[in-house]
């Protein structure tokens, strides 16, 4: 019966997209992805039944081991120190999932001197997920508050944090034929069909800014939503940091020959496929992040790029061995150690996931997480 209900919702969302196309004409892939992920009540991230972790379609670093949250907490403590230990330090997590990262950070920081000055804010659209977060964070309700939109925030001194958020922003899809064209979605019977149309000027400008020329036959994505999101975050940030953790590449790697078919992936019940036109509203759609665009746009808006490196190098440089001893001593068994290695090693999340920190303030800062391997020069 549950599966039958899911099929009904999937078909309903598909029909709504088809109706929009029939009413308005072809839509670009960004619009399709926006509806598939964020349509009110029916979108993947907005419906009541959305789950993450082992019970959902994918898991992230906080699901792998709680030490990940402890390490991000350690980074927050260092950030607080660097900006002069202000009486108020606010962590704003956007898209907090089930709340595991927040819980593990707060569990670690409650023993630190920053804790009395700390406020934790979660931006979450989905009321059902918000309710689950509140249950998980029941011991910290005096520290945590929730908003649905960034616009509801007052001025922030502290850090905006996201973990696997930007990869879920809707994207444009383009191909290089004789000239650059953009993929639009049409309807053929009861199914969707891709249509190639002239590329918009904002997409052309994006490639000019990245100094990228695509070879013929190359298909890839363009994430323009990051620009607006970054502007909104910076408008709220009085002083402090933007800490972004996600899978992605510098522009030259993102648009290299190795990825001539793009990076779009679909996750459905922990299985990967490349068909975004099935399981609509029931599967996650993700695209790798072009960190070069994040750096360039941030710097044009007044941010300083502090560091960029793979997650594994970041955690090691930040002192994960010290935190392991601090929290667990010699009590970790082989299974726990294997999970922690999954956060660090290249065959796990250590190389695929990247960490970037951008800063708004007067000083030139160096964070210990980038001491071993800072790759800003590749962006």
Foldseek 3Di string as FASTA:
>chain_A
DVVVVLVVLLLVLLVVVQVCCVVPNWAFQLVVLCSLAPPACRHQQAHLPRAEALVHQYYFLLNLDLLVLLLVLLLQVVQCVVVPNDLAAEEEEECCHLQSSVVSSLVNCVVPPSNNRYAYEYAGQHPNSVVSNCVVCVVCPVRYDYDPDLVPDAAHEHEYEYAADLQSRRWWKWAAAVHIWTWIWHDDPSFIDIDTDHDDPVVVVVCVVLVDDADHQAMEIDRPVLLVVLVSVVVRYPWGKYKYKFFADAPCVQRDPVQSVYFKWKTASNDIDRDCRPSRNRIGIGHHDHVNVVQVSNVVVAKAWQFKAFQQLLSVQSPSVVVCCVPPNPNDDPSSVVSVVLRHDPVHRRHRMMITMITHDDDRDHGSSPPPPGVPVRD
